[in-house]
Amino acid sequence: MIKLSVNINKIALIRNARGGNNPDLIQSAIDCEKFGAEGITVHPRPDERHIRYSDVIELKSVLATELNVEGNPKEQRFMDLVLKVKPAQVTLVPDASNQLTSNHGWNTITEKEYLTQIISQLKNAGIRTSIFVDPKTEMIEGACEIGTDRIELYTEYYAQHYSSDSSLAIQPYLLAAAKAQELDLGINAGHDLNLNNLTNFARKIPACLEVSIGHALVCDALYYGLENTISMYKRCLQ
């Protein structure tokens, strides 16, 4: 079954809105594990508007499942953090410092030299690497050449077009996944996956190893409760 990694950024955002520690971010992550999540994802940003760098350090010390830390390696503070914490996985994302949310993947061709160096540094530290890419075969080929362990397919296009034409929406991801398998790259996926579109994605791309879901899952938890929501998402992945 495809693993579910719960992105807890939005839980941190609610906490930060009032100060203090309510909701308790660390306990929420532990509860996500208890309710069935196979991993926890965080994306600390330079302004720490949700996940704080100190959160990442604390999470690493208490989690029993995999910790996946997303971020832009061009931020030296981010690199210092992940090399210190050594999470199970680092997902490289080309976000600008003031970006609201991720909206594109890496150009693995023009950034080849830089990314090769960064990925080598992370892998030498014993950290599995994943790189955020658009579903384009040339970007998958570029990802293979830079030495990453996995790619994370950016699924906003799929989510936006799913309700109008699910076959059209999934097509570029089928091609991208086939190319990744051909090149022996692991496949992750994330961005705007939800209870409506996740089952189809999982059935069409069973080679996917992990999905990272945060915003939609936290929104659903407001209605269904966190434990029930995680169970619902896991059923979509069976």
C-alpha atoms as a PDB file:
ATOM      1  CA  MET A   1       0.000   0.000   0.000  1.00  0.00           C
ATOM      2  CA  ILE A   2       1.139   3.554  -0.709  1.00  0.00           C
ATOM      3  CA  LYS A   3       2.344   5.184   2.492  1.00  0.00           C
ATOM      4  CA  LEU A   4       0.624   8.261   3.901  1.00  0.00           C
ATOM      5  CA  SER A   5       2.850  11.020   5.249  1.00  0.00           C
ATOM      6  CA  VAL A   6       0.812  13.715   7.019  1.00  0.00           C
ATOM      7  CA  ASN A   7       2.025  17.265   6.506  1.00  0.00           C
ATOM      8  CA  ILE A   8       1.444  19.097   9.801  1.00  0.00           C
ATOM      9  CA  ASN A   9       2.259  22.634   8.629  1.00  0.00           C
ATOM     10  CA  LYS A  10      -1.365  23.749   9.000  1.00  0.00           C
ATOM     11  CA  ILE A  11      -1.510  22.481  12.572  1.00  0.00           C
ATOM     12  CA  ALA A  12       1.539  24.625  13.299  1.00  0.00           C
ATOM     13  CA  LEU A  13      -0.108  27.591  11.572  1.00  0.00           C
ATOM     14  CA  ILE A  14      -3.123  27.362  13.910  1.00  0.00           C
ATOM     15  CA  ARG A  15      -0.815  27.110  16.917  1.00  0.00           C
ATOM     16  CA  ASN A  16       1.171  30.164  15.851  1.00  0.00           C
ATOM     17  CA  ALA A  17      -1.960  32.255  15.312  1.00  0.00           C
ATOM     18  CA  ARG A  18      -2.521  32.587  19.053  1.00  0.00           C
ATOM     19  CA  GLY A  19       0.924  31.898  20.488  1.00  0.00           C
ATOM     20  CA  GLY A  20       1.446  29.284  23.144  1.00  0.00           C
ATOM     21  CA  ASN A  21       1.182  25.607  22.305  1.00  0.00           C
ATOM     22  CA  ASN A  22      -2.453  24.971  21.414  1.00  0.00           C
ATOM     23  CA  PRO A  23      -2.832  22.776  19.465  1.00  0.00           C
ATOM     24  CA  ASP A  24       0.188  20.858  20.675  1.00  0.00           C
ATOM     25  CA  LEU A  25       2.145  20.236  17.470  1.00  0.00           C
ATOM     26  CA  ILE A  26       4.341  17.455  18.803  1.00  0.00           C
ATOM     27  CA  GLN A  27       1.417  15.574  20.339  1.00  0.00           C
ATOM     28  CA  SER A  28      -0.532  16.010  17.097  1.00  0.00           C
ATOM     29  CA  ALA A  29       2.304  14.370  15.169  1.00  0.00           C
ATOM     30  CA  ILE A  30       2.481  11.510  17.657  1.00  0.00           C
ATOM     31  CA  ASP A  31      -1.286  11.087  17.361  1.00  0.00           C
ATOM     32  CA  CYS A  32      -1.080  11.023  13.551  1.00  0.00           C
ATOM     33  CA  GLU A  33       1.345   8.114  13.882  1.00  0.00           C
ATOM     34  CA  LYS A  34      -0.921   6.389  16.390  1.00  0.00           C
ATOM     35  CA  PHE A  35      -3.883   6.787  14.022  1.00  0.00           C
ATOM     36  CA  GLY A  36      -2.007   5.110  11.175  1.00  0.00           C
ATOM     37  CA  ALA A  37       0.162   7.648   9.348  1.00  0.00           C
ATOM     38  CA  GLU A  38       3.408   6.085   8.145  1.00  0.00           C
ATOM     39  CA  GLY A  39       5.258   9.380   8.176  1.00  0.00           C
ATOM     40  CA  ILE A  40       5.211  13.044   9.141  1.00  0.00           C
ATOM     41  CA  THR A  41       6.101  15.826   6.701  1.00  0.00           C
ATOM     42  CA  VAL A  42       7.122  19.363   7.605  1.00  0.00           C
ATOM     43  CA  HIS A  43       8.183  22.299   5.454  1.00  0.00           C
ATOM     44  CA  PRO A  44       9.930  24.953   7.564  1.00  0.00           C
ATOM     45  CA  ARG A  45      10.122  28.301   5.796  1.00  0.00           C
ATOM     46  CA  PRO A  46      12.532  31.135   6.529  1.00  0.00           C
ATOM     47  CA  ASP A  47       9.857  33.250   8.265  1.00  0.00           C
ATOM     48  CA  GLU A  48       8.736  30.256  10.396  1.00  0.00           C
ATOM     49  CA  ARG A  49       5.109  31.195   9.811  1.00  0.00           C
ATOM     50  CA  HIS A  50       4.071  27.633  10.581  1.00  0.00           C
ATOM     51  CA  ILE A  51       6.727  25.001  11.277  1.00  0.00           C
ATOM     52  CA  ARG A  52       9.605  26.369  13.329  1.00  0.00           C
ATOM     53  CA  TYR A  53      13.126  25.087  12.964  1.00  0.00           C
ATOM     54  CA  SER A  54      13.029  24.061  16.627  1.00  0.00           C
ATOM     55  CA  ASP A  55       9.928  21.943  15.869  1.00  0.00           C
ATOM     56  CA  VAL A  56      11.920  19.845  13.424  1.00  0.00           C
ATOM     57  CA  ILE A  57      14.563  19.068  16.033  1.00  0.00           C
ATOM     58  CA  GLU A  58      11.933  18.077  18.591  1.00  0.00           C
ATOM     59  CA  LEU A  59       9.959  15.979  16.110  1.00  0.00           C
ATOM     60  CA  LYS A  60      13.040  13.961  15.159  1.00  0.00           C
ATOM     61  CA  SER A  61      13.539  13.019  18.799  1.00  0.00           C
ATOM     62  CA  VAL A  62      10.007  11.663  19.347  1.00  0.00           C
ATOM     63  CA  LEU A  63       8.711  10.212  16.070  1.00  0.00           C
ATOM     64  CA  ALA A  64       8.629   6.474  15.536  1.00  0.00           C
ATOM     65  CA  THR A  65       7.875   6.707  11.799  1.00  0.00           C
ATOM     66  CA  GLU A  66       9.710   8.564   9.046  1.00  0.00           C
ATOM     67  CA  LEU A  67      10.273  12.304   9.218  1.00  0.00           C
ATOM     68  CA  ASN A  68      10.257  14.002   5.811  1.00  0.00           C
ATOM     69  CA  VAL A  69      11.596  17.560   5.769  1.00  0.00           C
ATOM     70  CA  GLU A  70      10.826  19.718   2.730  1.00  0.00           C
ATOM     71  CA  GLY A  71      12.570  22.914   1.773  1.00  0.00           C
ATOM     72  CA  ASN A  72      14.801  24.886  -0.552  1.00  0.00           C
ATOM     73  CA  PRO A  73      18.481  23.941  -0.150  1.00  0.00           C
ATOM     74  CA  LYS A  74      19.490  27.413  -1.341  1.00  0.00           C
ATOM     75  CA  GLU A  75      18.544  28.536   2.167  1.00  0.00           C
ATOM     76  CA  GLN A  76      21.705  27.722   4.110  1.00  0.00           C
ATOM     77  CA  ARG A  77      19.767  27.576   7.362  1.00  0.00           C
ATOM     78  CA  PHE A  78      17.666  24.777   5.889  1.00  0.00           C
ATOM     79  CA  MET A  79      20.723  22.778   4.896  1.00  0.00           C
ATOM     80  CA  ASP A  80      22.289  23.289   8.312  1.00  0.00           C
ATOM     81  CA  LEU A  81      19.070  22.030   9.907  1.00  0.00           C
ATOM     82  CA  VAL A  82      18.660  18.825   7.903  1.00  0.00           C
ATOM     83  CA  LEU A  83      22.335  17.905   8.144  1.00  0.00           C
ATOM     84  CA  LYS A  84      22.048  18.288  11.913  1.00  0.00           C
ATOM     85  CA  VAL A  85      18.722  16.461  12.322  1.00  0.00           C
ATOM     86  CA  LYS A  86      19.278  13.785   9.646  1.00  0.00           C
ATOM     87  CA  PRO A  87      15.614  12.993   8.905  1.00  0.00           C
ATOM     88  CA  ALA A  88      14.709   9.837   7.013  1.00  0.00           C
ATOM     89  CA  GLN A  89      14.034  11.906   3.897  1.00  0.00           C
ATOM     90  CA  VAL A  90      14.682  15.402   2.611  1.00  0.00           C
ATOM     91  CA  THR A  91      12.464  16.642  -0.206  1.00  0.00           C
ATOM     92  CA  LEU A  92      14.033  19.496  -2.161  1.00  0.00           C
ATOM     93  CA  VAL A  93      11.521  22.139  -3.255  1.00  0.00           C
ATOM     94  CA  PRO A  94      12.385  25.253  -5.325  1.00  0.00           C
ATOM     95  CA  ASP A  95      10.264  27.718  -3.333  1.00  0.00           C
ATOM     96  CA  ALA A  96      11.078  31.384  -3.055  1.00  0.00           C
ATOM     97  CA  SER A  97      11.508  32.633   0.517  1.00  0.00           C
ATOM     98  CA  ASN A  98       8.200  34.532   0.463  1.00  0.00           C
ATOM     99  CA  GLN A  99       6.183  31.932  -1.467  1.00  0.00           C
ATOM    100  CA  LEU A 100       2.738  31.054  -0.086  1.00  0.00           C
ATOM    101  CA  THR A 101       2.882  27.406  -1.160  1.00  0.00           C
ATOM    102  CA  SER A 102       4.789  25.264  -3.636  1.00  0.00           C
ATOM    103  CA  ASN A 103       3.694  25.848  -7.224  1.00  0.00           C
ATOM    104  CA  HIS A 104       6.315  24.275  -9.495  1.00  0.00           C
ATOM    105  CA  GLY A 105       9.022  21.667  -9.620  1.00  0.00           C
ATOM    106  CA  TRP A 106      12.758  21.949 -10.237  1.00  0.00           C
ATOM    107  CA  ASN A 107      14.259  22.389 -13.649  1.00  0.00           C
ATOM    108  CA  THR A 108      16.574  19.423 -13.295  1.00  0.00           C
ATOM    109  CA  ILE A 109      18.376  20.319 -16.515  1.00  0.00           C
ATOM    110  CA  THR A 110      19.428  23.919 -15.875  1.00  0.00           C
ATOM    111  CA  GLU A 111      20.020  23.207 -12.159  1.00  0.00           C
ATOM    112  CA  LYS A 112      21.862  19.927 -12.772  1.00  0.00           C
ATOM    113  CA  GLU A 113      25.270  20.914 -11.413  1.00  0.00           C
ATOM    114  CA  TYR A 114      23.891  22.569  -8.290  1.00  0.00           C
ATOM    115  CA  LEU A 115      21.424  19.798  -7.462  1.00  0.00           C
ATOM    116  CA  THR A 116      24.014  17.071  -8.021  1.00  0.00           C
ATOM    117  CA  GLN A 117      26.239  18.707  -5.428  1.00  0.00           C
ATOM    118  CA  ILE A 118      23.412  19.147  -2.880  1.00  0.00           C
ATOM    119  CA  ILE A 119      22.070  15.625  -3.290  1.00  0.00           C
ATOM    120  CA  SER A 120      25.539  14.156  -2.927  1.00  0.00           C
ATOM    121  CA  GLN A 121      25.973  16.089   0.320  1.00  0.00           C
ATOM    122  CA  LEU A 122      22.670  14.800   1.708  1.00  0.00           C
ATOM    123  CA  LYS A 123      23.243  11.202   0.655  1.00  0.00           C
ATOM    124  CA  ASN A 124      26.729  11.231   2.173  1.00  0.00           C
ATOM    125  CA  ALA A 125      24.991  12.157   5.448  1.00  0.00           C
ATOM    126  CA  GLY A 126      22.804   9.057   5.133  1.00  0.00           C
ATOM    127  CA  ILE A 127      19.626  10.946   4.172  1.00  0.00           C
ATOM    128  CA  ARG A 128      17.264   9.661   1.478  1.00  0.00           C
ATOM    129  CA  THR A 129      16.655  12.378  -1.097  1.00  0.00           C
ATOM    130  CA  SER A 130      13.536  13.269  -3.053  1.00  0.00           C
ATOM    131  CA  ILE A 131      13.152  16.126  -5.496  1.00  0.00           C
ATOM    132  CA  PHE A 132       9.946  17.992  -6.372  1.00  0.00           C
ATOM    133  CA  VAL A 133       9.285  17.833 -10.127  1.00  0.00           C
ATOM    134  CA  ASP A 134       6.554  18.569 -12.622  1.00  0.00           C
ATOM    135  CA  PRO A 135       5.212  15.517 -14.500  1.00  0.00           C
ATOM    136  CA  LYS A 136       7.461  15.945 -17.529  1.00  0.00           C
ATOM    137  CA  THR A 137       9.611  13.082 -18.759  1.00  0.00           C
ATOM    138  CA  GLU A 138      12.592  15.327 -19.469  1.00  0.00           C
ATOM    139  CA  MET A 139      12.563  16.521 -15.855  1.00  0.00           C
ATOM    140  CA  ILE A 140      12.409  12.893 -14.671  1.00  0.00           C
ATOM    141  CA  GLU A 141      15.411  12.043 -16.846  1.00  0.00           C
ATOM    142  CA  GLY A 142      17.232  15.039 -15.396  1.00  0.00           C
ATOM    143  CA  ALA A 143      16.381  13.900 -11.879  1.00  0.00           C
ATOM    144  CA  CYS A 144      17.965  10.535 -12.565  1.00  0.00           C
ATOM    145  CA  GLU A 145      21.166  12.182 -13.752  1.00  0.00           C
ATOM    146  CA  ILE A 146      21.562  14.239 -10.572  1.00  0.00           C
ATOM    147  CA  GLY A 147      21.465  11.129  -8.400  1.00  0.00           C
ATOM    148  CA  THR A 148      18.296  11.553  -6.356  1.00  0.00           C
ATOM    149  CA  ASP A 149      16.712   8.497  -4.753  1.00  0.00           C
ATOM    150  CA  ARG A 150      13.153   9.576  -5.465  1.00  0.00           C
ATOM    151  CA  ILE A 151      11.060  12.177  -7.230  1.00  0.00           C
ATOM    152  CA  GLU A 152       7.944  13.794  -5.808  1.00  0.00           C
ATOM    153  CA  LEU A 153       5.396  14.429  -8.540  1.00  0.00           C
ATOM    154  CA  TYR A 154       3.759  17.845  -8.185  1.00  0.00           C
ATOM    155  CA  THR A 155       0.057  16.966  -8.442  1.00  0.00           C
ATOM    156  CA  GLU A 156      -1.678  20.352  -8.635  1.00  0.00           C
ATOM    157  CA  TYR A 157      -2.432  19.913 -12.360  1.00  0.00           C
ATOM    158  CA  TYR A 158      -4.045  16.551 -11.628  1.00  0.00           C
ATOM    159  CA  ALA A 159      -6.151  17.978  -8.812  1.00  0.00           C
ATOM    160  CA  GLN A 160      -7.287  20.991 -10.838  1.00  0.00           C
ATOM    161  CA  HIS A 161      -8.439  18.935 -13.819  1.00  0.00           C
ATOM    162  CA  TYR A 162      -9.669  15.807 -12.066  1.00  0.00           C
ATOM    163  CA  SER A 163     -13.339  16.801 -11.789  1.00  0.00           C
ATOM    164  CA  SER A 164     -13.650  17.852 -15.434  1.00  0.00           C
ATOM    165  CA  ASP A 165     -11.664  15.033 -17.060  1.00  0.00           C
ATOM    166  CA  SER A 166      -9.935  12.510 -14.815  1.00  0.00           C
ATOM    167  CA  SER A 167      -8.382  10.633 -17.749  1.00  0.00           C
ATOM    168  CA  LEU A 168      -6.798  13.801 -19.097  1.00  0.00           C
ATOM    169  CA  ALA A 169      -5.697  14.838 -15.620  1.00  0.00           C
ATOM    170  CA  ILE A 170      -3.813  11.619 -14.887  1.00  0.00           C
ATOM    171  CA  GLN A 171      -2.162  11.220 -18.300  1.00  0.00           C
ATOM    172  CA  PRO A 172       1.065  13.191 -17.723  1.00  0.00           C
ATOM    173  CA  TYR A 173       1.526  11.403 -14.380  1.00  0.00           C
ATOM    174  CA  LEU A 174       1.227   7.991 -16.030  1.00  0.00           C
ATOM    175  CA  LEU A 175       3.992   8.949 -18.451  1.00  0.00           C
ATOM    176  CA  ALA A 176       6.135  10.461 -15.703  1.00  0.00           C
ATOM    177  CA  ALA A 177       5.706   7.418 -13.450  1.00  0.00           C
ATOM    178  CA  ALA A 178       6.569   5.045 -16.286  1.00  0.00           C
ATOM    179  CA  LYS A 179       9.749   6.986 -16.986  1.00  0.00           C
ATOM    180  CA  ALA A 180      10.678   7.013 -13.286  1.00  0.00           C
ATOM    181  CA  GLN A 181      10.212   3.244 -13.080  1.00  0.00           C
ATOM    182  CA  GLU A 182      12.297   2.783 -16.209  1.00  0.00           C
ATOM    183  CA  LEU A 183      15.087   4.785 -14.555  1.00  0.00           C
ATOM    184  CA  ASP A 184      14.701   3.013 -11.192  1.00  0.00           C
ATOM    185  CA  LEU A 185      13.621   6.161  -9.349  1.00  0.00           C
ATOM    186  CA  GLY A 186      11.260   5.930  -6.390  1.00  0.00           C
ATOM    187  CA  ILE A 187       8.011   7.856  -6.775  1.00  0.00           C
ATOM    188  CA  ASN A 188       6.356  10.123  -4.208  1.00  0.00           C
ATOM    189  CA  ALA A 189       3.504  12.538  -4.881  1.00  0.00           C
ATOM    190  CA  GLY A 190       1.882  15.532  -3.287  1.00  0.00           C
ATOM    191  CA  HIS A 191      -0.028  18.812  -3.544  1.00  0.00           C
ATOM    192  CA  ASP A 192      -3.821  19.186  -3.535  1.00  0.00           C
ATOM    193  CA  LEU A 193      -4.492  15.464  -3.235  1.00  0.00           C
ATOM    194  CA  ASN A 194      -7.714  14.894  -1.290  1.00  0.00           C
ATOM    195  CA  LEU A 195     -10.476  12.405  -0.545  1.00  0.00           C
ATOM    196  CA  ASN A 196     -12.112  13.059  -3.921  1.00  0.00           C
ATOM    197  CA  ASN A 197      -9.126  12.454  -6.190  1.00  0.00           C
ATOM    198  CA  LEU A 198      -6.731  10.281  -4.193  1.00  0.00           C
ATOM    199  CA  THR A 199      -8.256   6.852  -4.861  1.00  0.00           C
ATOM    200  CA  ASN A 200      -8.023   7.298  -8.630  1.00  0.00           C
ATOM    201  CA  PHE A 201      -4.423   8.482  -8.387  1.00  0.00           C
ATOM    202  CA  ALA A 202      -3.442   5.506  -6.236  1.00  0.00           C
ATOM    203  CA  ARG A 203      -5.126   3.010  -8.553  1.00  0.00           C
ATOM    204  CA  LYS A 204      -3.592   4.491 -11.691  1.00  0.00           C
ATOM    205  CA  ILE A 205      -0.090   4.825 -10.233  1.00  0.00           C
ATOM    206  CA  PRO A 206       0.364   1.880  -7.858  1.00  0.00           C
ATOM    207  CA  ALA A 207       4.165   2.254  -8.100  1.00  0.00           C
ATOM    208  CA  CYS A 208       3.885   5.403  -5.991  1.00  0.00           C
ATOM    209  CA  LEU A 209       5.620   4.814  -2.669  1.00  0.00           C
ATOM    210  CA  GLU A 210       4.331   7.740  -0.617  1.00  0.00           C
ATOM    211  CA  VAL A 211       1.919  10.657  -0.736  1.00  0.00           C
ATOM    212  CA  SER A 212       2.353  13.745   1.404  1.00  0.00           C
ATOM    213  CA  ILE A 213      -0.955  15.415   2.301  1.00  0.00           C
ATOM    214  CA  GLY A 214      -1.541  18.305   4.664  1.00  0.00           C
ATOM    215  CA  HIS A 215      -3.967  21.102   3.835  1.00  0.00           C
ATOM    216  CA  ALA A 216      -6.872  18.939   2.658  1.00  0.00           C
ATOM    217  CA  LEU A 217      -6.380  16.402   5.429  1.00  0.00           C
ATOM    218  CA  VAL A 218      -6.374  19.031   8.190  1.00  0.00           C
ATOM    219  CA  CYS A 219      -9.471  20.674   6.677  1.00  0.00           C
ATOM    220  CA  ASP A 220     -11.272  17.315   6.586  1.00  0.00           C
ATOM    221  CA  ALA A 221     -10.246  16.661  10.189  1.00  0.00           C
ATOM    222  CA  LEU A 222     -12.300  19.703  11.259  1.00  0.00           C
ATOM    223  CA  TYR A 223     -15.410  17.790  10.180  1.00  0.00           C
ATOM    224  CA  TYR A 224     -14.502  14.135  10.619  1.00  0.00           C
ATOM    225  CA  GLY A 225     -11.904  14.213  13.413  1.00  0.00           C
ATOM    226  CA  LEU A 226      -8.204  13.493  12.976  1.00  0.00           C
ATOM    227  CA  GLU A 227      -8.281   9.756  13.651  1.00  0.00           C
ATOM    228  CA  ASN A 228     -11.223   9.120  11.340  1.00  0.00           C
ATOM    229  CA  THR A 229      -9.762  11.353   8.620  1.00  0.00           C
ATOM    230  CA  ILE A 230      -6.433   9.529   8.571  1.00  0.00           C
ATOM    231  CA  SER A 231      -8.319   6.233   8.287  1.00  0.00           C
ATOM    232  CA  MET A 232     -10.330   7.636   5.373  1.00  0.00           C
ATOM    233  CA  TYR A 233      -7.183   8.709   3.519  1.00  0.00           C
ATOM    234  CA  LYS A 234      -5.530   5.366   4.129  1.00  0.00           C
ATOM    235  CA  ARG A 235      -8.553   3.578   2.691  1.00  0.00           C
ATOM    236  CA  CYS A 236      -8.118   5.646  -0.473  1.00  0.00           C
ATOM    237  CA  LEU A 237      -4.586   4.275  -0.776  1.00  0.00           C
ATOM    238  CA  GLN A 238      -5.430   0.591  -0.404  1.00  0.00           C
END
